[in-house]
Amino acid sequence: QVQLVESGGGLVQTGGSLRLSCAASGRTVSIYTMGWFRQAPGKEREFAAAITMSGGRTYYADSVKGRFTISRDNAKNTVYLQMNSLKPEDTAVYYCAAGRPVTAAQTMGVNWYRNWGQGTQVTVSS
């Protein structure tokens, strides 16, 4: 079991940037695929980005591609989400998750992640 704690959320204007961090404890994150998901009020939780165990492959939702960058530092047991050119529609609670999906489809699916953080709020004002 791995415990995950997100940080770095906040209020930012349209076009601004934020960097989210996900610190892990309990087990090393190097054995997990790590993902970032988000949930806006009244909506289902959705995939944003993921990175494989070695960091060799990344996945992005079409809505964030080209603006968000996921990275990991296994030595620090931390995963990051750099968010640039933020839009009001990016407003959501962002969750970090750890799992062991196999296929690309699984990697972008909520159900393949067993460990979740408590979330951090990101609000983008227009």
Foldseek 3Di string as FASTA:
>chain_A
DKAKAKDFADEAAQQAKIKMKIAIDDDQLLQWKKFKWWDDPPGDIFGAKIAGSVRPDMDGDPVQPPFWDWGDDRVRSMIMIIGGRDDQVVWTWMKMFTFHDDDPVLRGDPVRTDYIYPTDTHGYHD
